[in-house]
Amino acid sequence: MFESTPNKLDDVKITDAEIKPRLAKIVVLGLEGCGKSTLLNVLAKRPEEGYSPTQGFNVVQIQSGECSLSVMEVGGGPSTRRYWSHFTSDMDLLIYVVDGSDKNNFNESKSELMKVLAESTNQVPCLLISNKQDLENAEKCSSIFNSKDLKEIGRKTSGNITILDATCCANGGEGVSFRETVISIMHNIITKFSSFI
């Protein structure tokens, strides 16, 4: 037989609490000189102040709708690359930048990307950017990463790969529209494909 008991919920007060959005962690990797710092400067709306290789890492935080995006660029020099896996363990999105004009480094760049994906403990979406498309000899992502490369990357990222051919320019007139485009792409990837939600 079922017996009814007095409701103790009358003592509970419900208030409208502010729910803070979770911070999505985005890691930007690529070989030294490919344009990672410039991309970060564009996202942070900072003007370029000349090039100097990133020795450790730089972070900017961006608000995109209800998402808070923490974008971390990690240096791409040989001495820094060995630490990449320390930054990728809990990421929601990997952005990998390639200098589209530096054909001599395409194989090394692809090899480093494959190492990162092999060492990663979680499968996350990947945004591949072929940068420096303003240069005459720049290659598109589809030329740098052939179908075999993309299949291999897809196996490590649950098939969630987005490619973008771009010119990251913090001081140029196209910087604002490029910034909004990249933020929109990051937001869409995070909300659709990552475990962020």
N, C-alpha and C. Protein backbone atom coordinates (compact mmCIF):
# COMPACT_ATOMS: atom_id res chain seq x y z
N MET A 1 0.84 -1.18 0.00
CA MET A 1 0.00 0.00 0.00
C MET A 1 0.89 1.24 0.00
N PHE A 2 0.45 2.22 -0.71
CA PHE A 2 1.20 3.46 -0.86
C PHE A 2 0.75 4.47 0.18
N GLU A 3 1.72 5.07 0.89
CA GLU A 3 1.39 6.10 1.87
C GLU A 3 1.99 7.41 1.45
N SER A 4 1.27 8.43 1.59
CA SER A 4 1.73 9.76 1.24
C SER A 4 2.49 10.36 2.43
N THR A 5 3.59 11.02 2.14
CA THR A 5 4.35 11.68 3.20
C THR A 5 4.32 13.17 2.95
N PRO A 6 4.46 13.95 3.99
CA PRO A 6 4.44 15.41 3.80
C PRO A 6 5.59 15.85 2.89
N ASN A 7 5.32 16.84 2.08
CA ASN A 7 6.30 17.36 1.12
C ASN A 7 7.27 18.29 1.84
N LYS A 8 8.54 17.96 1.83
CA LYS A 8 9.57 18.77 2.50
C LYS A 8 10.11 19.86 1.57
N LEU A 9 9.64 19.91 0.34
CA LEU A 9 10.16 20.89 -0.61
C LEU A 9 9.72 22.32 -0.30
N ASP A 10 8.76 22.48 0.59
CA ASP A 10 8.31 23.82 0.93
C ASP A 10 9.43 24.65 1.55
N ASP A 11 10.42 23.96 2.15
CA ASP A 11 11.53 24.66 2.80
C ASP A 11 12.64 25.05 1.82
N VAL A 12 12.57 24.53 0.59
CA VAL A 12 13.61 24.79 -0.40
C VAL A 12 13.28 26.08 -1.16
N LYS A 13 14.29 26.98 -1.22
CA LYS A 13 14.10 28.22 -1.96
C LYS A 13 14.81 28.10 -3.30
N ILE A 14 14.12 28.43 -4.35
CA ILE A 14 14.69 28.39 -5.69
C ILE A 14 14.92 29.82 -6.14
N THR A 15 16.14 30.10 -6.54
CA THR A 15 16.48 31.44 -7.01
C THR A 15 17.04 31.34 -8.43
N ASP A 16 16.99 32.44 -9.13
CA ASP A 16 17.58 32.49 -10.47
C ASP A 16 19.08 32.67 -10.31
N ALA A 17 19.81 31.63 -10.52
CA ALA A 17 21.27 31.69 -10.43
C ALA A 17 21.84 31.97 -11.81
N GLU A 18 22.89 32.71 -11.83
CA GLU A 18 23.56 32.98 -13.10
C GLU A 18 24.34 31.72 -13.51
N ILE A 19 24.01 31.21 -14.68
CA ILE A 19 24.72 30.04 -15.18
C ILE A 19 25.81 30.53 -16.11
N LYS A 20 27.03 30.26 -15.71
CA LYS A 20 28.17 30.71 -16.51
C LYS A 20 28.46 29.68 -17.59
N PRO A 21 28.70 30.16 -18.82
CA PRO A 21 29.01 29.22 -19.90
C PRO A 21 30.35 28.55 -19.66
N ARG A 22 30.45 27.30 -20.07
CA ARG A 22 31.71 26.59 -19.95
C ARG A 22 32.71 27.20 -20.91
N LEU A 23 33.94 27.20 -20.51
CA LEU A 23 35.01 27.74 -21.33
C LEU A 23 35.50 26.65 -22.28
N ALA A 24 35.43 26.91 -23.58
CA ALA A 24 35.93 25.96 -24.57
C ALA A 24 37.42 26.22 -24.78
N LYS A 25 38.21 25.16 -24.72
CA LYS A 25 39.65 25.28 -24.89
C LYS A 25 40.02 24.95 -26.33
N ILE A 26 40.61 25.93 -27.00
CA ILE A 26 41.04 25.79 -28.38
C ILE A 26 42.56 25.93 -28.41
N VAL A 27 43.25 24.96 -29.00
CA VAL A 27 44.70 24.99 -29.07
C VAL A 27 45.11 25.21 -30.52
N VAL A 28 46.01 26.19 -30.72
CA VAL A 28 46.51 26.52 -32.06
C VAL A 28 47.96 26.06 -32.15
N LEU A 29 48.22 25.14 -33.09
CA LEU A 29 49.56 24.59 -33.29
C LEU A 29 49.98 24.75 -34.75
N GLY A 30 51.25 24.62 -34.98
CA GLY A 30 51.83 24.70 -36.32
C GLY A 30 53.31 25.01 -36.19
N LEU A 31 54.05 24.78 -37.26
CA LEU A 31 55.49 25.05 -37.23
C LEU A 31 55.76 26.53 -37.03
N GLU A 32 56.95 26.83 -36.54
CA GLU A 32 57.38 28.21 -36.33
C GLU A 32 57.27 29.01 -37.63
N GLY A 33 56.71 30.21 -37.54
CA GLY A 33 56.62 31.11 -38.68
C GLY A 33 55.43 30.90 -39.59
N CYS A 34 54.47 30.03 -39.19
CA CYS A 34 53.32 29.75 -40.07
C CYS A 34 52.20 30.77 -39.91
N GLY A 35 52.23 31.58 -38.85
CA GLY A 35 51.21 32.62 -38.67
C GLY A 35 50.29 32.42 -37.49
N LYS A 36 50.67 31.58 -36.53
CA LYS A 36 49.82 31.34 -35.35
C LYS A 36 49.66 32.61 -34.52
N SER A 37 50.76 33.32 -34.28
CA SER A 37 50.70 34.55 -33.47
C SER A 37 49.87 35.61 -34.18
N THR A 38 49.99 35.69 -35.49
CA THR A 38 49.19 36.65 -36.25
C THR A 38 47.71 36.31 -36.12
N LEU A 39 47.38 35.03 -36.21
CA LEU A 39 45.99 34.61 -36.02
C LEU A 39 45.49 35.03 -34.65
N LEU A 40 46.28 34.82 -33.62
CA LEU A 40 45.90 35.21 -32.27
C LEU A 40 45.71 36.73 -32.16
N ASN A 41 46.62 37.48 -32.79
CA ASN A 41 46.51 38.94 -32.78
C ASN A 41 45.23 39.40 -33.48
N VAL A 42 44.86 38.74 -34.58
CA VAL A 42 43.62 39.08 -35.27
C VAL A 42 42.43 38.82 -34.35
N LEU A 43 42.42 37.66 -33.70
CA LEU A 43 41.31 37.31 -32.82
C LEU A 43 41.21 38.25 -31.64
N ALA A 44 42.37 38.70 -31.13
CA ALA A 44 42.40 39.61 -29.97
C ALA A 44 42.27 41.07 -30.37
N LYS A 45 42.17 41.35 -31.67
CA LYS A 45 42.12 42.72 -32.20
C LYS A 45 43.35 43.52 -31.81
N ARG A 46 44.51 42.85 -31.82
CA ARG A 46 45.78 43.52 -31.53
C ARG A 46 46.53 43.75 -32.83
N PRO A 47 47.14 44.92 -33.02
CA PRO A 47 47.94 45.15 -34.23
C PRO A 47 49.24 44.35 -34.18
N GLU A 48 49.75 44.00 -35.34
CA GLU A 48 51.04 43.30 -35.42
C GLU A 48 52.15 44.24 -34.99
N GLU A 49 53.08 43.72 -34.24
CA GLU A 49 54.21 44.53 -33.78
C GLU A 49 55.52 43.92 -34.22
N GLY A 50 55.55 43.28 -35.35
CA GLY A 50 56.76 42.61 -35.82
C GLY A 50 56.75 41.16 -35.39
N TYR A 51 57.54 40.36 -36.04
CA TYR A 51 57.54 38.92 -35.77
C TYR A 51 58.64 38.55 -34.80
N SER A 52 58.28 37.80 -33.80
CA SER A 52 59.26 37.13 -32.95
C SER A 52 58.65 35.79 -32.55
N PRO A 53 59.42 34.71 -32.67
CA PRO A 53 58.87 33.38 -32.40
C PRO A 53 58.35 33.25 -30.97
N THR A 54 57.21 32.60 -30.83
CA THR A 54 56.65 32.34 -29.50
C THR A 54 57.47 31.26 -28.83
N GLN A 55 57.97 31.56 -27.64
CA GLN A 55 58.81 30.61 -26.91
C GLN A 55 57.99 29.66 -26.05
N GLY A 56 56.88 30.11 -25.56
CA GLY A 56 56.01 29.28 -24.71
C GLY A 56 54.63 29.22 -25.33
N PHE A 57 53.72 30.00 -24.74
CA PHE A 57 52.37 30.04 -25.29
C PHE A 57 51.74 31.40 -25.02
N ASN A 58 50.72 31.73 -25.79
CA ASN A 58 49.93 32.94 -25.63
C ASN A 58 48.46 32.54 -25.61
N VAL A 59 47.65 33.27 -24.85
CA VAL A 59 46.23 32.94 -24.74
C VAL A 59 45.40 34.20 -24.90
N VAL A 60 44.28 34.07 -25.64
CA VAL A 60 43.27 35.13 -25.68
C VAL A 60 41.93 34.47 -25.38
N GLN A 61 41.04 35.25 -24.78
CA GLN A 61 39.70 34.74 -24.51
C GLN A 61 38.71 35.58 -25.29
N ILE A 62 37.79 34.89 -25.97
CA ILE A 62 36.83 35.54 -26.86
C ILE A 62 35.43 35.08 -26.47
N GLN A 63 34.50 36.00 -26.48
CA GLN A 63 33.11 35.65 -26.24
C GLN A 63 32.42 35.54 -27.59
N SER A 64 31.75 34.43 -27.84
CA SER A 64 31.00 34.22 -29.07
C SER A 64 29.63 33.70 -28.71
N GLY A 65 28.66 34.62 -28.69
CA GLY A 65 27.32 34.24 -28.25
C GLY A 65 27.38 33.79 -26.82
N GLU A 66 26.90 32.59 -26.57
CA GLU A 66 26.92 32.05 -25.21
C GLU A 66 28.19 31.26 -24.92
N CYS A 67 29.06 31.15 -25.90
CA CYS A 67 30.31 30.39 -25.72
C CYS A 67 31.45 31.32 -25.34
N SER A 68 32.24 30.86 -24.42
CA SER A 68 33.49 31.53 -24.07
C SER A 68 34.60 30.69 -24.67
N LEU A 69 35.42 31.27 -25.53
CA LEU A 69 36.47 30.55 -26.24
C LEU A 69 37.84 30.98 -25.72
N SER A 70 38.58 30.05 -25.16
CA SER A 70 39.95 30.32 -24.73
C SER A 70 40.86 29.75 -25.81
N VAL A 71 41.54 30.66 -26.52
CA VAL A 71 42.37 30.26 -27.66
C VAL A 71 43.83 30.37 -27.24
N MET A 72 44.51 29.22 -27.23
CA MET A 72 45.90 29.16 -26.80
C MET A 72 46.80 28.80 -27.97
N GLU A 73 47.74 29.67 -28.27
CA GLU A 73 48.73 29.41 -29.31
C GLU A 73 50.00 28.95 -28.63
N VAL A 74 50.53 27.81 -29.08
CA VAL A 74 51.76 27.26 -28.50
C VAL A 74 52.86 27.37 -29.54
N GLY A 75 54.05 27.80 -29.10
CA GLY A 75 55.18 27.98 -30.01
C GLY A 75 55.44 26.76 -30.88
N GLY A 76 55.96 26.99 -32.08
CA GLY A 76 56.16 25.91 -33.04
C GLY A 76 57.60 25.56 -33.33
N GLY A 77 58.52 26.11 -32.54
CA GLY A 77 59.92 25.76 -32.73
C GLY A 77 60.20 24.35 -32.29
N PRO A 78 61.30 23.74 -32.79
CA PRO A 78 61.62 22.35 -32.43
C PRO A 78 61.69 22.08 -30.93
N SER A 79 62.21 23.03 -30.15
CA SER A 79 62.33 22.80 -28.71
C SER A 79 60.98 22.88 -27.99
N THR A 80 60.00 23.56 -28.58
CA THR A 80 58.68 23.70 -27.96
C THR A 80 57.74 22.58 -28.36
N ARG A 81 57.91 22.05 -29.57
CA ARG A 81 56.99 21.02 -30.08
C ARG A 81 56.90 19.79 -29.19
N ARG A 82 57.97 19.47 -28.54
CA ARG A 82 57.94 18.25 -27.70
C ARG A 82 56.98 18.40 -26.52
N TYR A 83 56.53 19.63 -26.23
CA TYR A 83 55.59 19.87 -25.14
C TYR A 83 54.14 20.01 -25.63
N TRP A 84 53.92 19.95 -26.94
CA TRP A 84 52.57 20.15 -27.48
C TRP A 84 51.54 19.26 -26.81
N SER A 85 51.88 18.01 -26.58
CA SER A 85 50.89 17.07 -26.02
C SER A 85 50.43 17.49 -24.61
N HIS A 86 51.23 18.28 -23.90
CA HIS A 86 50.84 18.77 -22.58
C HIS A 86 49.68 19.76 -22.67
N PHE A 87 49.52 20.39 -23.83
CA PHE A 87 48.48 21.40 -24.00
C PHE A 87 47.21 20.84 -24.64
N THR A 88 47.28 19.63 -25.19
CA THR A 88 46.17 19.12 -25.98
C THR A 88 45.27 18.13 -25.26
N SER A 89 45.58 17.77 -24.03
CA SER A 89 44.85 16.70 -23.37
C SER A 89 43.37 17.00 -23.15
N ASP A 90 43.01 18.23 -22.87
CA ASP A 90 41.61 18.54 -22.60
C ASP A 90 41.06 19.61 -23.54
N MET A 91 41.56 19.63 -24.76
CA MET A 91 41.10 20.64 -25.71
C MET A 91 39.76 20.25 -26.33
N ASP A 92 39.02 21.27 -26.76
CA ASP A 92 37.74 21.05 -27.43
C ASP A 92 37.88 21.19 -28.95
N LEU A 93 38.94 21.85 -29.39
CA LEU A 93 39.18 22.05 -30.82
C LEU A 93 40.68 22.25 -31.04
N LEU A 94 41.21 21.60 -32.07
CA LEU A 94 42.59 21.81 -32.48
C LEU A 94 42.58 22.62 -33.77
N ILE A 95 43.28 23.75 -33.76
CA ILE A 95 43.50 24.51 -34.99
C ILE A 95 44.95 24.27 -35.38
N TYR A 96 45.16 23.76 -36.58
CA TYR A 96 46.52 23.51 -37.04
C TYR A 96 46.79 24.40 -38.25
N VAL A 97 47.81 25.26 -38.12
CA VAL A 97 48.13 26.25 -39.15
C VAL A 97 49.36 25.80 -39.92
N VAL A 98 49.27 25.89 -41.24
CA VAL A 98 50.38 25.57 -42.13
C VAL A 98 50.69 26.81 -42.96
N ASP A 99 51.97 27.11 -43.13
CA ASP A 99 52.38 28.19 -44.03
C ASP A 99 52.21 27.66 -45.45
N GLY A 100 51.16 28.10 -46.12
CA GLY A 100 50.84 27.62 -47.46
C GLY A 100 51.88 27.95 -48.50
N SER A 101 52.79 28.88 -48.19
CA SER A 101 53.82 29.28 -49.15
C SER A 101 55.15 28.55 -48.92
N ASP A 102 55.25 27.76 -47.87
CA ASP A 102 56.51 27.12 -47.51
C ASP A 102 56.48 25.63 -47.86
N LYS A 103 56.61 25.33 -49.15
CA LYS A 103 56.52 23.94 -49.63
C LYS A 103 57.58 23.04 -49.02
N ASN A 104 58.73 23.60 -48.67
CA ASN A 104 59.81 22.79 -48.09
C ASN A 104 59.43 22.20 -46.74
N ASN A 105 58.45 22.79 -46.06
CA ASN A 105 58.08 22.31 -44.72
C ASN A 105 56.75 21.57 -44.68
N PHE A 106 56.11 21.33 -45.82
CA PHE A 106 54.81 20.66 -45.81
C PHE A 106 54.89 19.29 -45.14
N ASN A 107 55.87 18.49 -45.52
CA ASN A 107 55.97 17.13 -44.97
C ASN A 107 56.25 17.15 -43.47
N GLU A 108 57.15 18.04 -43.04
CA GLU A 108 57.43 18.15 -41.61
C GLU A 108 56.19 18.60 -40.85
N SER A 109 55.47 19.54 -41.42
CA SER A 109 54.27 20.06 -40.77
C SER A 109 53.21 18.95 -40.64
N LYS A 110 53.00 18.20 -41.70
CA LYS A 110 52.03 17.10 -41.65
C LYS A 110 52.47 16.04 -40.63
N SER A 111 53.75 15.75 -40.60
CA SER A 111 54.28 14.77 -39.66
C SER A 111 54.04 15.21 -38.21
N GLU A 112 54.26 16.48 -37.93
CA GLU A 112 54.04 17.01 -36.56
C GLU A 112 52.56 16.95 -36.18
N LEU A 113 51.69 17.24 -37.14
CA LEU A 113 50.25 17.14 -36.88
C LEU A 113 49.87 15.70 -36.55
N MET A 114 50.38 14.77 -37.32
CA MET A 114 50.07 13.35 -37.07
C MET A 114 50.57 12.91 -35.70
N LYS A 115 51.74 13.41 -35.28
CA LYS A 115 52.27 13.07 -33.95
C LYS A 115 51.33 13.57 -32.86
N VAL A 116 50.88 14.82 -33.00
CA VAL A 116 49.98 15.40 -32.00
C VAL A 116 48.70 14.58 -31.91
N LEU A 117 48.14 14.24 -33.07
CA LEU A 117 46.89 13.48 -33.07
C LEU A 117 47.10 12.08 -32.48
N ALA A 118 48.25 11.47 -32.76
CA ALA A 118 48.54 10.14 -32.22
C ALA A 118 48.70 10.17 -30.70
N GLU A 119 49.25 11.26 -30.18
CA GLU A 119 49.48 11.39 -28.73
C GLU A 119 48.25 11.88 -27.98
N SER A 120 47.28 12.43 -28.69
CA SER A 120 46.10 12.98 -28.04
C SER A 120 45.24 11.87 -27.46
N THR A 121 44.76 12.08 -26.25
CA THR A 121 43.95 11.06 -25.57
C THR A 121 42.47 11.16 -25.93
N ASN A 122 42.07 12.26 -26.53
CA ASN A 122 40.67 12.42 -26.91
C ASN A 122 40.56 12.80 -28.38
N GLN A 123 39.46 12.42 -28.99
CA GLN A 123 39.23 12.77 -30.39
C GLN A 123 38.45 14.08 -30.43
N VAL A 124 39.07 15.09 -31.00
CA VAL A 124 38.43 16.40 -31.07
C VAL A 124 38.41 16.87 -32.53
N PRO A 125 37.52 17.80 -32.83
CA PRO A 125 37.50 18.36 -34.17
C PRO A 125 38.81 19.08 -34.49
N CYS A 126 39.10 19.18 -35.77
CA CYS A 126 40.35 19.82 -36.22
C CYS A 126 40.03 20.83 -37.33
N LEU A 127 40.52 22.04 -37.16
CA LEU A 127 40.43 23.07 -38.20
C LEU A 127 41.82 23.24 -38.79
N LEU A 128 41.97 22.90 -40.06
CA LEU A 128 43.25 23.05 -40.76
C LEU A 128 43.22 24.36 -41.53
N ILE A 129 44.24 25.20 -41.29
CA ILE A 129 44.32 26.49 -41.98
C ILE A 129 45.59 26.53 -42.81
N SER A 130 45.44 26.74 -44.12
CA SER A 130 46.58 27.02 -44.98
C SER A 130 46.69 28.54 -45.04
N ASN A 131 47.68 29.07 -44.36
CA ASN A 131 47.85 30.51 -44.20
C ASN A 131 48.71 31.10 -45.33
N LYS A 132 48.76 32.41 -45.38
CA LYS A 132 49.58 33.18 -46.32
C LYS A 132 49.14 32.99 -47.76
N GLN A 133 47.82 32.94 -47.94
CA GLN A 133 47.25 32.78 -49.27
C GLN A 133 47.42 34.02 -50.14
N ASP A 134 47.89 35.11 -49.54
CA ASP A 134 48.16 36.32 -50.32
C ASP A 134 49.45 36.20 -51.13
N LEU A 135 50.28 35.22 -50.81
CA LEU A 135 51.53 35.03 -51.54
C LEU A 135 51.28 34.19 -52.79
N GLU A 136 51.96 34.54 -53.85
CA GLU A 136 51.70 33.97 -55.17
C GLU A 136 51.83 32.45 -55.22
N ASN A 137 52.80 31.91 -54.51
CA ASN A 137 53.06 30.47 -54.59
C ASN A 137 52.36 29.66 -53.50
N ALA A 138 51.43 30.26 -52.77
CA ALA A 138 50.77 29.57 -51.65
C ALA A 138 49.87 28.44 -52.16
N GLU A 139 49.93 27.32 -51.45
CA GLU A 139 49.11 26.15 -51.77
C GLU A 139 47.86 26.14 -50.89
N LYS A 140 46.79 25.62 -51.43
CA LYS A 140 45.54 25.45 -50.69
C LYS A 140 45.65 24.21 -49.81
N CYS A 141 44.79 24.13 -48.80
CA CYS A 141 44.77 22.96 -47.90
C CYS A 141 44.61 21.67 -48.69
N SER A 142 43.75 21.69 -49.71
CA SER A 142 43.49 20.47 -50.47
C SER A 142 44.71 20.01 -51.26
N SER A 143 45.68 20.90 -51.49
CA SER A 143 46.92 20.50 -52.15
C SER A 143 47.95 20.00 -51.14
N ILE A 144 47.94 20.60 -49.95
CA ILE A 144 48.91 20.22 -48.91
C ILE A 144 48.51 18.88 -48.29
N PHE A 145 47.23 18.74 -47.99
CA PHE A 145 46.72 17.52 -47.37
C PHE A 145 45.93 16.74 -48.42
N ASN A 146 46.50 15.64 -48.92
CA ASN A 146 45.79 14.85 -49.92
C ASN A 146 44.71 14.00 -49.24
N SER A 147 43.97 13.24 -50.02
CA SER A 147 42.85 12.47 -49.45
C SER A 147 43.33 11.43 -48.45
N LYS A 148 44.51 10.85 -48.67
CA LYS A 148 45.06 9.88 -47.72
C LYS A 148 45.36 10.57 -46.38
N ASP A 149 45.97 11.77 -46.44
CA ASP A 149 46.24 12.54 -45.21
C ASP A 149 44.95 12.83 -44.46
N LEU A 150 43.93 13.29 -45.20
CA LEU A 150 42.67 13.67 -44.57
C LEU A 150 41.97 12.45 -43.95
N LYS A 151 42.08 11.29 -44.59
CA LYS A 151 41.50 10.07 -44.01
C LYS A 151 42.20 9.73 -42.69
N GLU A 152 43.52 9.85 -42.69
CA GLU A 152 44.29 9.57 -41.47
C GLU A 152 43.92 10.56 -40.36
N ILE A 153 43.84 11.84 -40.70
CA ILE A 153 43.44 12.86 -39.72
C ILE A 153 42.02 12.58 -39.25
N GLY A 154 41.14 12.22 -40.18
CA GLY A 154 39.75 11.93 -39.85
C GLY A 154 39.59 10.79 -38.86
N ARG A 155 40.45 9.79 -38.96
CA ARG A 155 40.39 8.66 -38.02
C ARG A 155 40.72 9.12 -36.60
N LYS A 156 41.55 10.13 -36.48
CA LYS A 156 41.97 10.63 -35.16
C LYS A 156 41.04 11.71 -34.61
N THR A 157 40.16 12.24 -35.48
CA THR A 157 39.29 13.35 -35.06
C THR A 157 37.81 13.01 -35.21
N SER A 158 37.49 11.75 -35.27
CA SER A 158 36.10 11.29 -35.50
C SER A 158 35.54 11.84 -36.80
N GLY A 159 36.40 12.14 -37.75
CA GLY A 159 35.96 12.62 -39.06
C GLY A 159 35.59 14.08 -39.09
N ASN A 160 35.82 14.80 -38.01
CA ASN A 160 35.43 16.21 -37.94
C ASN A 160 36.60 17.11 -38.32
N ILE A 161 36.75 17.34 -39.63
CA ILE A 161 37.83 18.18 -40.15
C ILE A 161 37.21 19.32 -40.94
N THR A 162 37.67 20.52 -40.67
CA THR A 162 37.27 21.69 -41.44
C THR A 162 38.54 22.28 -42.03
N ILE A 163 38.49 22.69 -43.30
CA ILE A 163 39.68 23.30 -43.89
C ILE A 163 39.37 24.74 -44.29
N LEU A 164 40.38 25.59 -44.16
CA LEU A 164 40.24 27.01 -44.45
C LEU A 164 41.53 27.50 -45.09
N ASP A 165 41.40 28.13 -46.25
CA ASP A 165 42.53 28.78 -46.91
C ASP A 165 42.40 30.26 -46.62
N ALA A 166 43.45 30.86 -46.00
CA ALA A 166 43.29 32.21 -45.49
C ALA A 166 44.58 33.01 -45.53
N THR A 167 44.42 34.29 -45.31
CA THR A 167 45.54 35.19 -45.07
C THR A 167 45.28 35.88 -43.74
N CYS A 168 46.03 35.50 -42.71
CA CYS A 168 45.89 36.13 -41.40
C CYS A 168 46.66 37.43 -41.43
N CYS A 169 45.97 38.55 -41.28
CA CYS A 169 46.63 39.85 -41.34
C CYS A 169 46.02 40.75 -40.28
N ALA A 170 46.76 41.03 -39.23
CA ALA A 170 46.24 41.83 -38.12
C ALA A 170 46.09 43.30 -38.47
N ASN A 171 46.90 43.79 -39.40
CA ASN A 171 46.87 45.22 -39.71
C ASN A 171 46.05 45.56 -40.96
N GLY A 172 45.70 44.55 -41.73
CA GLY A 172 45.02 44.81 -43.00
C GLY A 172 43.55 45.11 -42.83
N GLY A 173 42.94 45.64 -43.87
CA GLY A 173 41.53 46.00 -43.86
C GLY A 173 40.61 44.81 -43.78
N GLU A 174 41.09 43.62 -44.21
CA GLU A 174 40.25 42.43 -44.18
C GLU A 174 40.25 41.77 -42.81
N GLY A 175 41.04 42.31 -41.88
CA GLY A 175 41.18 41.68 -40.57
C GLY A 175 39.88 41.48 -39.84
N VAL A 176 38.96 42.48 -39.90
CA VAL A 176 37.72 42.41 -39.15
C VAL A 176 36.84 41.29 -39.70
N SER A 177 36.63 41.23 -41.01
CA SER A 177 35.77 40.19 -41.56
C SER A 177 36.42 38.81 -41.39
N PHE A 178 37.73 38.73 -41.50
CA PHE A 178 38.43 37.46 -41.28
C PHE A 178 38.25 37.02 -39.84
N ARG A 179 38.39 37.97 -38.91
CA ARG A 179 38.22 37.66 -37.48
C ARG A 179 36.84 37.07 -37.22
N GLU A 180 35.81 37.74 -37.72
CA GLU A 180 34.44 37.28 -37.50
C GLU A 180 34.21 35.91 -38.14
N THR A 181 34.81 35.68 -39.31
CA THR A 181 34.68 34.39 -39.98
C THR A 181 35.30 33.28 -39.15
N VAL A 182 36.51 33.49 -38.66
CA VAL A 182 37.20 32.46 -37.87
C VAL A 182 36.46 32.19 -36.56
N ILE A 183 36.00 33.24 -35.90
CA ILE A 183 35.24 33.06 -34.65
C ILE A 183 33.97 32.27 -34.91
N SER A 184 33.29 32.59 -36.00
CA SER A 184 32.06 31.88 -36.35
C SER A 184 32.34 30.40 -36.64
N ILE A 185 33.42 30.13 -37.37
CA ILE A 185 33.79 28.74 -37.67
C ILE A 185 34.11 28.00 -36.37
N MET A 186 34.91 28.62 -35.49
CA MET A 186 35.26 27.97 -34.22
C MET A 186 34.00 27.67 -33.41
N HIS A 187 33.13 28.66 -33.30
CA HIS A 187 31.88 28.52 -32.54
C HIS A 187 31.04 27.36 -33.10
N ASN A 188 30.89 27.32 -34.43
CA ASN A 188 30.07 26.27 -35.04
C ASN A 188 30.68 24.89 -34.83
N ILE A 189 31.98 24.78 -34.97
CA ILE A 189 32.63 23.48 -34.76
C ILE A 189 32.46 23.04 -33.32
N ILE A 190 32.72 23.95 -32.39
CA ILE A 190 32.64 23.62 -30.97
C ILE A 190 31.22 23.14 -30.61
N THR A 191 30.20 23.87 -31.06
CA THR A 191 28.84 23.54 -30.66
C THR A 191 28.31 22.32 -31.41
N LYS A 192 28.81 22.02 -32.59
CA LYS A 192 28.32 20.87 -33.34
C LYS A 192 29.04 19.58 -33.04
N PHE A 193 30.38 19.65 -32.99
CA PHE A 193 31.15 18.42 -33.01
C PHE A 193 31.91 18.08 -31.74
N SER A 194 32.15 19.03 -30.87
CA SER A 194 32.99 18.70 -29.72
C SER A 194 32.11 18.24 -28.56
N SER A 195 32.74 17.78 -27.51
CA SER A 195 32.02 17.35 -26.31
C SER A 195 31.73 18.55 -25.41
N PHE A 196 31.84 19.74 -25.96
CA PHE A 196 31.69 20.99 -25.22
C PHE A 196 30.31 21.11 -24.56
N ILE A 197 29.26 20.73 -25.28
CA ILE A 197 27.90 20.91 -24.78
C ILE A 197 27.59 19.90 -23.70
